[in-house]
C-alpha cells in the first residue's frame, strides 16, 4: 500500500506540475482578455439572471431550468474542497495560497463561462430524447468537423477520466470519507454512517436527473447561505484583525512564509501550486465538469447559460473558500499543528465555542460532501452515455452505488489497521487530484481550438441585447410622447 501511495504521489506531482498550472491559468487569462474581462463587466447581469425567476417557455429546449442546472453543478463543486481543501492548501502553502486561489478563480470565471457556453452550443439529445453535453460532445461536434481523429481521442480521454474521477476519487471515496469523519465527530459510528450514505445516495440516484436536480435546488442554496453566515459571524467577531490578515495573505503570496507553530513554512512556489490546485479542486473551472450540467438547461442562449454558470465559480471560491480561509487566518488556526477539517473546526471553535464550532463544520461538511457525491454521479453518467449510450445508465447506477458501498471495505478497514498513517484515504485524495488534472487537458485544448465559437456567440448575443434595449427605449419614448 505504501509503495502504491508513493507512486501515485509522484504521478500527482507530475500531473499538477507547472505545465498544467500554466495551462489552466494561461487559458483563463487568454479568455479573460479576449472576452474583455467579461467576468467583471457582465457579473451584475449574470447575477440578475440567477436571481430573476424565468418564465417557462415551450420554445426553450432542455430538461432543467437554468437555476436547477446551476445548482446541480454547485452540488458537485461546493464540497469538501471548501472546508478540507482550503485548510489543506493553507497548511502546506501558507496564507499566500489563498491569494493564488483567488487569482485562479478570477480567471477561472472566464473559463467556466466559455466551457458552459460551448456545452449548450454543441449539445445533442440521446436515445431517450434527453439533452446531453459537455466537453466530450463539444469536442466531437466542434473539433470533429475539421479534425475527426483528434476529436475522437480527446473526447474518449475526457469521458474515461470523468468516470475515473466520479467513481474512484472526488465523486465517491474522498467525499464519503468526509461524511464518515464528520459523523464520527458527531458521535455516529463510522460503519453506520457508511451504510447510511450508501442508502441515501442509492435512493436519490435511482430517482433520476429530476430527483438529483430537485435535491440540489433545495439543499445547495440553504447550506451555502448558512455556512456563509457562520463564516461572517467569525469574521465580525475578529473584525479588528481583518486588515492584518489580508496584509498577511497578500505578502505571503510573494514571499517565503517562515515556520510558525505547527506550520512548517512555505515557498512562493508551494503557495502558488497549492492555491491554484485546491482552488481548481473546489470550483472545477477548466476541468469540464460543470458544462455537463449546463447542457441540460432549458435555454436557447448558450451565452446566458454561460453567464449563469460563471457565477458558480464566484460563489464557490471567491466567497465560500475565501471566507473559510479568512477564518483560518483571523483565528490563527492556520499555524496550529492540525490540518484538514480539524483546522477549520479549530477556527470556528475558537470564535464560537467548541460545541458550536464542532456542529457547524461537521454538519456543513456532511451536506457539502453528500451533494458532491450526487452531482458527480450525474457527471460520470453523462460520460458513460457518451461512451456506451443511454442503455448503460441503469448498470452504471448499480456500479456507482457499489463504489459508494465499497468505501467500507477499501478505506475504512484498511485505515483501521493503520489508523495513524491513514494511507488508504490519503491515496484516495491523490487519485482524485490525478483524475481531475487529467480531465483538464482535453477540455482546455478544446477551449483553445473552439475559441472562435466562444467569441462569435458572445459578440452576437451582446449586439442583439444592445439592439433590443435601444428598441425598447424607443418604444418607451414613443409612448411618453404620444398624446393622452
Protein backbone atom coordinates (compact mmCIF):
# COMPACT_ATOMS: atom_id res chain seq x y z
CA UNK A 1 0.00 0.00 0.00
CA UNK A 2 2.83 2.39 0.85
CA UNK A 3 4.55 1.65 -2.46
CA UNK A 4 1.33 2.38 -4.37
CA UNK A 5 0.83 5.58 -2.41
CA UNK A 6 4.37 6.76 -3.17
CA UNK A 7 3.95 6.05 -6.88
CA UNK A 8 0.66 7.91 -7.03
CA UNK A 9 2.16 10.88 -5.16
CA UNK A 10 4.91 11.08 -7.76
CA UNK A 11 2.40 10.94 -10.62
CA UNK A 12 0.18 13.52 -8.91
CA UNK A 13 3.10 15.94 -8.66
CA UNK A 14 3.77 15.33 -12.36
CA UNK A 15 0.14 15.93 -13.43
CA UNK A 16 -0.29 19.01 -11.24
CA UNK A 17 3.16 20.33 -12.04
CA UNK A 18 3.96 23.64 -13.75
CA UNK A 19 2.63 22.59 -17.21
CA UNK A 20 -0.98 22.09 -16.04
CA UNK A 21 -0.95 25.10 -13.72
CA UNK A 22 0.40 27.28 -16.51
CA UNK A 23 -2.17 25.85 -18.94
CA UNK A 24 -5.08 26.41 -16.54
CA UNK A 25 -4.07 29.97 -15.70
CA UNK A 26 -2.94 30.67 -19.26
CA UNK A 27 -6.28 29.66 -20.82
CA UNK A 28 -8.14 31.65 -18.16
CA UNK A 29 -6.02 34.74 -18.76
CA UNK A 30 -6.33 34.39 -22.54
CA UNK A 31 -10.13 34.06 -22.37
CA UNK A 32 -10.39 36.90 -19.85
CA UNK A 33 -8.67 39.40 -22.14
CA UNK A 34 -10.21 38.12 -25.37
CA UNK A 35 -13.68 38.42 -23.79
CA UNK A 36 -12.79 41.89 -22.43
CA UNK A 37 -12.87 40.90 -18.77
CA UNK A 38 -16.43 39.64 -19.07
CA UNK A 39 -16.40 38.18 -15.53
CA UNK A 40 -16.29 41.74 -14.17
CA UNK A 41 -18.29 43.74 -16.70
CA UNK A 42 -21.09 41.18 -17.03
CA UNK A 43 -21.20 39.85 -13.45
CA UNK A 44 -24.16 42.09 -12.47
CA UNK A 45 -26.11 40.82 -15.49
CA UNK A 46 -25.21 37.23 -14.63
CA UNK A 47 -26.32 37.70 -11.02
CA UNK A 48 -29.58 39.22 -12.22
CA UNK A 49 -30.19 36.17 -14.41
CA UNK A 50 -29.57 33.84 -11.47
CA UNK A 51 -31.93 35.60 -9.08
CA UNK A 52 -34.64 36.60 -11.55
CA UNK A 53 -37.38 33.98 -11.94
CA UNK A 54 -37.61 32.89 -15.55
CA UNK A 55 -40.93 32.09 -17.17
CA UNK A 56 -41.13 28.60 -18.59
CA UNK A 57 -41.47 28.66 -22.36
CA UNK A 58 -42.22 25.81 -24.73
CA UNK A 59 -39.66 27.28 -27.11
CA UNK A 60 -36.84 26.76 -24.61
CA UNK A 61 -35.05 23.47 -25.17
CA UNK A 62 -33.65 21.47 -22.27
CA UNK A 63 -34.54 19.29 -19.30
CA UNK A 64 -33.82 21.60 -16.32
CA UNK A 65 -34.29 25.28 -15.55
CA UNK A 66 -31.09 27.31 -15.77
CA UNK A 67 -31.12 27.73 -11.98
CA UNK A 68 -31.57 23.99 -11.42
CA UNK A 69 -28.66 23.29 -13.79
CA UNK A 70 -26.51 25.78 -11.84
CA UNK A 71 -27.49 24.15 -8.53
CA UNK A 72 -26.68 20.70 -9.93
CA UNK A 73 -23.22 21.97 -10.87
CA UNK A 74 -22.82 23.68 -7.49
CA UNK A 75 -23.87 20.46 -5.77
CA UNK A 76 -20.77 18.85 -7.23
CA UNK A 77 -18.42 21.83 -6.72
CA UNK A 78 -19.41 23.05 -3.24
CA UNK A 79 -17.96 20.19 -1.27
CA UNK A 80 -15.02 19.13 0.81
CA UNK A 81 -12.75 21.48 -1.13
CA UNK A 82 -14.44 24.45 0.53
CA UNK A 83 -13.62 23.19 4.03
CA UNK A 84 -10.95 20.49 3.87
CA UNK A 85 -9.30 21.66 0.64
CA UNK A 86 -8.83 25.24 1.82
CA UNK A 87 -7.36 24.10 5.13
CA UNK A 88 -5.02 21.71 3.30
CA UNK A 89 -3.85 24.47 0.95
CA UNK A 90 -3.14 26.85 3.83
CA UNK A 91 -1.44 24.19 5.99
CA UNK A 92 1.04 23.44 3.18
CA UNK A 93 1.26 26.65 1.16
CA UNK A 94 0.61 29.14 3.95
CA UNK A 95 -1.81 32.11 3.86
CA UNK A 96 -0.41 33.11 0.45
CA UNK A 97 -2.17 30.08 -1.06
CA UNK A 98 -5.47 31.93 -0.52
CA UNK A 99 -4.31 34.78 -2.76
CA UNK A 100 -3.44 32.40 -5.59
CA UNK A 101 -6.71 30.55 -5.05
CA UNK A 102 -8.50 33.88 -5.60
CA UNK A 103 -6.43 34.64 -8.72
CA UNK A 104 -7.15 31.20 -10.19
CA UNK A 105 -10.87 31.66 -9.50
CA UNK A 106 -10.94 35.13 -11.09
CA UNK A 107 -9.53 33.87 -14.38
CA UNK A 108 -11.43 30.62 -13.93
CA UNK A 109 -14.71 32.53 -14.21
CA UNK A 110 -13.91 33.27 -17.87
CA UNK A 111 -13.04 29.62 -18.36
CA UNK A 112 -16.28 28.45 -16.74
CA UNK A 113 -18.30 30.87 -18.89
CA UNK A 114 -16.64 29.60 -22.06
CA UNK A 115 -16.96 25.88 -21.39
CA UNK A 116 -20.62 26.15 -20.35
CA UNK A 117 -21.37 28.26 -23.43
CA UNK A 118 -19.87 25.54 -25.62
CA UNK A 119 -21.83 22.86 -23.76
CA UNK A 120 -25.15 24.42 -24.78
CA UNK A 121 -23.97 25.35 -28.27
CA UNK A 122 -22.91 21.78 -29.16
CA UNK A 123 -25.31 19.70 -27.03
CA UNK A 124 -27.44 16.94 -28.50
CA UNK A 125 -30.21 14.55 -27.48
CA UNK A 126 -29.70 10.90 -26.56
CA UNK A 127 -31.88 7.93 -27.48
CA UNK A 128 -34.33 8.86 -24.69
CA UNK A 129 -34.76 12.40 -26.00
CA UNK A 130 -32.77 13.89 -23.08
CA UNK A 131 -30.27 16.68 -23.64
CA UNK A 132 -26.65 15.67 -23.11
CA UNK A 133 -23.50 17.69 -23.49
CA UNK A 134 -20.16 18.63 -22.01
CA UNK A 135 -16.55 18.56 -23.22
CA UNK A 136 -16.83 15.14 -24.90
CA UNK A 137 -19.75 16.42 -27.00
CA UNK A 138 -18.32 19.83 -27.91
CA UNK A 139 -15.06 18.13 -28.76
CA UNK A 140 -16.92 15.68 -31.05
CA UNK A 141 -19.33 18.18 -32.60
CA UNK A 142 -16.96 21.16 -32.66
CA UNK A 143 -13.39 19.95 -33.21
CA UNK A 144 -14.64 16.83 -35.01
CA UNK A 145 -15.77 18.86 -38.01
CA UNK A 146 -12.19 19.54 -39.06
CA UNK A 147 -10.13 17.09 -37.01
CA UNK A 148 -12.24 13.92 -36.53
CA UNK A 149 -9.40 11.65 -35.38
CA UNK A 150 -8.06 14.13 -32.82
CA UNK A 151 -11.60 14.84 -31.61
CA UNK A 152 -12.31 11.16 -31.04
CA UNK A 153 -9.13 10.72 -28.99
CA UNK A 154 -9.72 13.82 -26.86
CA UNK A 155 -13.42 13.07 -26.28
CA UNK A 156 -12.80 9.48 -25.23
CA UNK A 157 -9.95 10.59 -22.96
CA UNK A 158 -12.20 13.10 -21.22
CA UNK A 159 -15.04 10.61 -20.79
CA UNK A 160 -12.73 7.97 -19.29
CA UNK A 161 -11.10 10.45 -16.91
CA UNK A 162 -14.55 11.78 -15.95
CA UNK A 163 -15.73 8.29 -14.99
CA UNK A 164 -12.49 7.76 -13.07
CA UNK A 165 -13.00 10.99 -11.13
CA UNK A 166 -16.62 10.13 -10.38
CA UNK A 167 -16.10 6.52 -9.32
CA UNK A 168 -12.61 6.44 -7.87
CA UNK A 169 -12.00 9.85 -6.39
CA UNK A 170 -13.73 13.16 -5.99
CA UNK A 171 -17.19 11.68 -6.54
CA UNK A 172 -17.04 8.82 -4.06
CA UNK A 173 -14.27 7.94 -1.62
CA UNK A 174 -12.97 11.44 -0.90
CA UNK A 175 -16.48 12.69 -0.16
CA UNK A 176 -17.63 9.60 1.74
CA UNK A 177 -14.57 9.84 3.94
CA UNK A 178 -15.53 13.41 4.80
CA UNK A 179 -19.12 12.34 5.62
CA UNK A 180 -17.92 9.43 7.76
CA UNK A 181 -15.39 11.55 9.64
CA UNK A 182 -18.00 14.29 10.17
CA UNK A 183 -20.39 11.68 11.54
CA UNK A 184 -17.68 10.33 13.83
CA UNK A 185 -17.06 13.82 15.22
CA UNK A 186 -20.78 13.99 15.99
CA UNK A 187 -20.70 10.61 17.74
CA UNK A 188 -22.03 8.37 14.95
CA UNK A 189 -20.27 5.05 14.32
CA UNK A 190 -18.30 5.06 11.04
CA UNK A 191 -19.84 1.79 9.87
CA UNK A 192 -23.38 3.05 10.35
CA UNK A 193 -22.57 6.31 8.57
CA UNK A 194 -21.12 4.41 5.59
CA UNK A 195 -24.26 2.29 5.32
CA UNK A 196 -26.48 5.37 5.66
CA UNK A 197 -24.60 7.23 2.90
CA UNK A 198 -24.96 4.26 0.57
CA UNK A 199 -28.72 4.05 1.12
CA UNK A 200 -29.34 7.79 0.70
CA UNK A 201 -27.18 8.05 -2.43
CA UNK A 202 -28.83 5.00 -3.95
CA UNK A 203 -32.30 6.42 -3.29
CA UNK A 204 -31.53 9.78 -4.90
CA UNK A 205 -29.60 8.36 -7.86
CA UNK A 206 -32.39 5.98 -8.79
CA UNK A 207 -34.77 8.92 -8.85
CA UNK A 208 -33.01 10.18 -11.97
CA UNK A 209 -32.00 13.66 -13.19
CA UNK A 210 -35.10 15.47 -11.91
CA UNK A 211 -34.63 13.97 -8.44
CA UNK A 212 -30.96 14.98 -8.40
CA UNK A 213 -31.82 18.49 -9.62
CA UNK A 214 -34.64 18.96 -7.09
CA UNK A 215 -32.40 17.81 -4.25
CA UNK A 216 -29.63 20.17 -5.37
CA UNK A 217 -32.01 23.11 -5.88
CA UNK A 218 -33.32 22.69 -2.34
CA UNK A 219 -30.18 21.82 -0.39
CA UNK A 220 -27.42 23.83 -2.12
CA UNK A 221 -28.75 27.40 -1.60
CA UNK A 222 -29.70 26.66 2.00
CA UNK A 223 -26.42 25.03 3.02
CA UNK A 224 -24.35 27.70 1.26
CA UNK A 225 -26.28 30.51 2.95
CA UNK A 226 -25.98 29.01 6.43
CA UNK A 227 -22.25 28.37 6.06
CA UNK A 228 -21.59 31.88 4.70
CA UNK A 229 -23.49 33.45 7.61
CA UNK A 230 -21.47 31.40 10.12
CA UNK A 231 -18.21 32.49 8.46
CA UNK A 232 -19.30 36.13 8.52
CA UNK A 233 -20.03 35.84 12.24
CA UNK A 234 -16.46 34.63 12.86
CA UNK A 235 -15.10 37.47 10.71
CA UNK A 236 -17.21 40.07 12.55
CA UNK A 237 -16.02 38.77 15.93
CA UNK A 238 -12.44 39.34 14.73
CA UNK A 239 -13.12 42.42 12.62
CA UNK A 240 -10.22 44.42 14.05
CA UNK A 241 -7.76 41.79 12.83
CA UNK A 242 -9.08 41.72 9.24
CA UNK A 243 -6.63 44.35 7.79
CA UNK A 244 -3.62 42.48 9.20
CA UNK A 245 -4.98 39.16 7.97
CA UNK A 246 -5.45 40.48 4.44
CA UNK A 247 -1.96 42.01 4.53
CA UNK A 248 -0.51 38.64 5.60
CA UNK A 249 -2.34 36.81 2.79
CA UNK A 250 -1.03 39.18 0.10
CA UNK A 251 2.55 39.36 1.46
CA UNK A 252 2.75 35.57 1.85
CA UNK A 253 1.76 35.14 -1.81
CA UNK A 254 5.02 36.76 -2.96
CA UNK A 255 7.48 35.94 -0.18
CA UNK A 256 8.61 32.83 1.66
CA UNK A 257 6.48 32.16 4.73
CA UNK A 258 8.52 31.25 7.81
CA UNK A 259 7.68 28.31 10.03
CA UNK A 260 5.46 29.21 12.98
CA UNK A 261 3.71 27.00 15.49
CA UNK A 262 2.70 23.78 13.73
CA UNK A 263 3.23 25.34 10.27
CA UNK A 264 6.43 24.10 8.63
CA UNK A 265 6.96 27.10 6.35
CA UNK A 266 6.32 27.51 2.62
CA UNK A 267 7.95 28.89 -0.51
CA UNK A 268 6.19 31.08 -3.07
CA UNK A 269 6.04 28.12 -5.48
CA UNK A 270 4.32 26.00 -2.83
CA UNK A 271 1.78 28.77 -2.23
CA UNK A 272 1.04 29.06 -5.96
CA UNK A 273 0.82 25.32 -6.54
CA UNK A 274 -1.42 24.55 -3.57
CA UNK A 275 -3.55 27.65 -4.04
CA UNK A 276 -4.25 27.01 -7.71
CA UNK A 277 -4.63 23.22 -7.35
CA UNK A 278 -7.03 23.41 -4.38
CA UNK A 279 -8.92 26.29 -5.95
CA UNK A 280 -9.47 24.25 -9.11
CA UNK A 281 -10.35 21.21 -7.00
CA UNK A 282 -13.05 23.30 -5.36
CA UNK A 283 -14.60 25.26 -8.27
CA UNK A 284 -13.60 22.87 -11.10
CA UNK A 285 -13.14 25.71 -13.62
CA UNK A 286 -11.33 24.25 -16.61
CA UNK A 287 -11.93 20.64 -15.63
CA UNK A 288 -15.03 20.40 -17.83
CA UNK A 289 -17.44 19.05 -15.21
CA UNK A 290 -19.89 21.99 -14.88
CA UNK A 291 -20.62 22.09 -18.64
CA UNK A 292 -22.15 18.63 -18.33
CA UNK A 293 -24.87 20.07 -16.10
CA UNK A 294 -25.17 23.29 -18.12
CA UNK A 295 -26.01 21.28 -21.25
CA UNK A 296 -29.30 20.14 -19.66
CA UNK A 297 -30.53 23.69 -19.00
CA UNK A 298 -33.77 24.95 -20.57
CA UNK A 299 -32.36 27.77 -22.65
CA UNK A 300 -31.96 28.83 -26.25
CA UNK A 301 -28.96 31.00 -25.47
CA UNK A 302 -25.51 29.47 -24.87
CA UNK A 303 -24.29 32.87 -23.65
CA UNK A 304 -26.99 33.23 -20.99
CA UNK A 305 -26.23 29.80 -19.57
CA UNK A 306 -22.52 30.59 -19.67
CA UNK A 307 -23.10 33.74 -17.63
CA UNK A 308 -25.31 31.91 -15.12
CA UNK A 309 -22.79 29.08 -14.75
CA UNK A 310 -19.95 31.59 -14.32
CA UNK A 311 -21.49 32.76 -11.03
CA UNK A 312 -20.85 29.28 -9.63
CA UNK A 313 -17.10 29.88 -9.54
CA UNK A 314 -17.65 33.28 -7.94
CA UNK A 315 -19.82 31.80 -5.19
CA UNK A 316 -17.73 28.68 -4.62
CA UNK A 317 -14.23 30.12 -4.45
CA UNK A 318 -14.38 33.90 -4.22
CA UNK A 319 -16.97 33.82 -1.46
CA UNK A 320 -17.12 30.44 0.34
CA UNK A 321 -13.47 29.37 0.02
CA UNK A 322 -12.13 32.83 0.75
CA UNK A 323 -14.36 33.16 3.82
CA UNK A 324 -13.12 29.79 5.06
CA UNK A 325 -9.53 30.85 4.52
CA UNK A 326 -10.08 34.20 6.21
CA UNK A 327 -11.47 32.49 9.31
CA UNK A 328 -8.36 30.27 9.42
CA UNK A 329 -6.03 33.27 9.30
CA UNK A 330 -8.06 35.51 11.63
CA UNK A 331 -8.25 32.90 14.38
CA UNK A 332 -4.64 31.74 14.00
CA UNK A 333 -5.77 28.17 13.24
CA UNK A 334 -3.57 28.12 10.11
CA UNK A 335 -0.40 27.85 12.18
CA UNK A 336 -1.69 25.14 14.53
CA UNK A 337 -0.48 21.55 14.48
CA UNK A 338 -3.71 20.22 12.95
CA UNK A 339 -4.86 20.21 9.32
CA UNK A 340 -7.90 19.46 7.18
CA UNK A 341 -11.31 19.54 8.82
CA UNK A 342 -9.68 19.66 12.27
CA UNK A 343 -8.09 23.01 11.40
CA UNK A 344 -11.38 24.52 10.21
CA UNK A 345 -13.17 23.16 13.28
CA UNK A 346 -10.50 24.75 15.48
CA UNK A 347 -11.02 28.12 13.77
CA UNK A 348 -14.79 28.10 14.34
CA UNK A 349 -14.49 26.67 17.84
CA UNK A 350 -12.07 29.38 18.95
CA UNK A 351 -14.58 32.04 17.88
CA UNK A 352 -17.95 30.42 18.54
CA UNK A 353 -17.19 27.84 21.21
CA UNK A 354 -16.20 24.19 20.90
CA UNK A 355 -19.74 22.81 20.64
CA UNK A 356 -20.97 25.33 18.05
CA UNK A 357 -17.78 25.01 16.01
CA UNK A 358 -17.99 21.23 16.03
CA UNK A 359 -21.59 21.12 14.83
CA UNK A 360 -21.33 23.93 12.25
CA UNK A 361 -18.30 22.48 10.47
CA UNK A 362 -19.27 18.83 10.58
CA UNK A 363 -22.90 19.31 9.56
CA UNK A 364 -21.75 21.63 6.74
CA UNK A 365 -19.15 19.10 5.68
CA UNK A 366 -21.71 16.31 5.73
CA UNK A 367 -24.14 18.21 3.49
CA UNK A 368 -21.43 19.53 1.17
CA UNK A 369 -19.97 16.07 0.65
CA UNK A 370 -23.34 14.37 0.14
CA UNK A 371 -24.38 16.77 -2.62
CA UNK A 372 -20.99 16.34 -4.29
CA UNK A 373 -21.45 12.56 -4.43
CA UNK A 374 -24.82 13.05 -6.12
CA UNK A 375 -23.56 15.71 -8.53
CA UNK A 376 -20.58 13.65 -9.65
CA UNK A 377 -22.80 10.65 -10.30
CA UNK A 378 -24.62 12.85 -12.82
CA UNK A 379 -21.33 13.91 -14.43
CA UNK A 380 -19.97 10.37 -14.65
CA UNK A 381 -23.28 9.05 -16.03
CA UNK A 382 -23.10 11.55 -18.91
CA UNK A 383 -19.58 10.29 -19.69
CA UNK A 384 -20.99 6.76 -19.69
CA UNK A 385 -23.72 7.82 -22.14
CA UNK A 386 -21.10 9.23 -24.48
CA UNK A 387 -19.06 6.02 -24.46
CA UNK A 388 -21.77 3.35 -24.27
CA UNK A 389 -25.13 5.01 -24.94
CA UNK A 390 -28.18 5.63 -22.74
CA UNK A 391 -28.75 1.89 -22.29
CA UNK A 392 -25.72 1.77 -19.98
CA UNK A 393 -27.23 4.17 -17.42
CA UNK A 394 -29.04 1.57 -15.30
CA UNK A 395 -25.99 -0.74 -14.96
CA UNK A 396 -23.82 2.28 -14.18
CA UNK A 397 -26.14 3.35 -11.35
CA UNK A 398 -25.61 -0.05 -9.74
CA UNK A 399 -21.84 0.15 -10.25
CA UNK A 400 -21.69 3.66 -8.77
CA UNK A 401 -23.66 2.63 -5.70
CA UNK A 402 -21.32 -0.36 -5.27
CA UNK A 403 -18.36 2.02 -5.37
CA UNK A 404 -20.01 4.09 -2.64
CA UNK A 405 -20.65 0.96 -0.59
CA UNK A 406 -17.10 -0.34 -1.13
CA UNK A 407 -15.72 2.51 0.95
CA UNK A 408 -16.50 0.34 3.95
CA UNK A 409 -14.06 -2.34 2.77
CA UNK A 410 -11.45 -0.42 0.78
CA UNK A 411 -10.88 2.54 3.09
CA UNK A 412 -12.49 2.05 6.48
CA UNK A 413 -11.00 -1.31 7.41
CA UNK A 414 -7.63 -0.61 5.80
CA UNK A 415 -7.17 2.59 7.76
CA UNK A 416 -8.50 1.00 10.96
CA UNK A 417 -5.49 -1.32 10.75
CA UNK A 418 -3.22 1.68 10.17
CA UNK A 419 -5.07 4.45 11.94
CA UNK A 420 -2.12 6.80 12.39
CA UNK A 421 -0.98 6.97 8.75
CA UNK A 422 -4.40 6.75 7.05
CA UNK A 423 -2.59 5.59 3.93
CA UNK A 424 -5.74 4.47 2.10
CA UNK A 425 -7.69 7.72 2.33
CA UNK A 426 -4.61 9.83 1.54
CA UNK A 427 -4.13 7.67 -1.55
CA UNK A 428 -7.77 8.26 -2.50
CA UNK A 429 -7.28 12.04 -2.30
CA UNK A 430 -4.25 11.64 -4.56
CA UNK A 431 -6.28 9.66 -7.11
CA UNK A 432 -8.90 12.43 -7.02
CA UNK A 433 -6.26 15.04 -7.83
CA UNK A 434 -4.85 12.93 -10.68
CA UNK A 435 -8.24 12.25 -12.28
CA UNK A 436 -9.18 15.94 -12.04
CA UNK A 437 -5.92 17.02 -13.62
CA UNK A 438 -6.21 14.52 -16.47
CA UNK A 439 -9.77 15.75 -17.24
CA UNK A 440 -8.45 19.29 -17.68
CA UNK A 441 -6.04 18.59 -20.54
CA UNK A 442 -8.52 17.60 -23.31
CA UNK A 443 -11.01 20.23 -22.10
CA UNK A 444 -8.51 23.10 -22.17
CA UNK A 445 -7.29 22.05 -25.61
CA UNK A 446 -10.91 22.15 -26.80
CA UNK A 447 -11.46 25.64 -25.36
CA UNK A 448 -8.48 26.97 -27.32
CA UNK A 449 -9.48 25.24 -30.56
CA UNK A 450 -13.11 26.41 -30.27
CA UNK A 451 -12.28 29.96 -29.18
CA UNK A 452 -13.83 31.49 -32.33
CA UNK A 453 -17.19 29.92 -31.48
CA UNK A 454 -16.99 31.46 -27.99
CA UNK A 455 -16.14 34.89 -29.40
CA UNK A 456 -18.79 34.74 -32.11
CA UNK A 457 -21.63 33.66 -29.79
CA UNK A 458 -20.65 36.29 -27.21
CA UNK A 459 -20.39 39.10 -29.77
CA UNK A 460 -23.72 38.23 -31.40
CA UNK A 461 -25.56 37.95 -28.09
CA UNK A 462 -24.49 41.32 -26.71
CA UNK A 463 -25.00 43.01 -30.08
CA UNK A 464 -28.58 41.71 -30.15
CA UNK A 465 -29.03 42.68 -26.50
CA UNK A 466 -27.97 46.27 -27.23
CA UNK A 467 -30.32 46.43 -30.21
CA UNK A 468 -33.20 45.10 -28.10
CA UNK A 469 -32.56 47.68 -25.38
CA UNK A 470 -32.46 50.50 -27.94
CA UNK A 471 -35.71 49.28 -29.46
CA UNK A 472 -37.37 49.05 -26.04
CA UNK A 473 -36.17 52.56 -25.20
CA UNK A 474 -37.57 53.93 -28.46
CA UNK A 475 -40.93 52.30 -27.76
CA UNK A 476 -40.99 53.82 -24.26
CA UNK A 477 -40.12 57.25 -25.66
CA UNK A 478 -42.89 56.99 -28.23
CA UNK A 479 -45.42 56.09 -25.53
CA UNK A 480 -44.32 59.04 -23.41
CA UNK A 481 -44.59 61.46 -26.34
CA UNK A 482 -47.94 60.12 -27.53
CA UNK A 483 -50.89 62.46 -26.72
CA UNK A 484 -53.01 61.38 -23.73
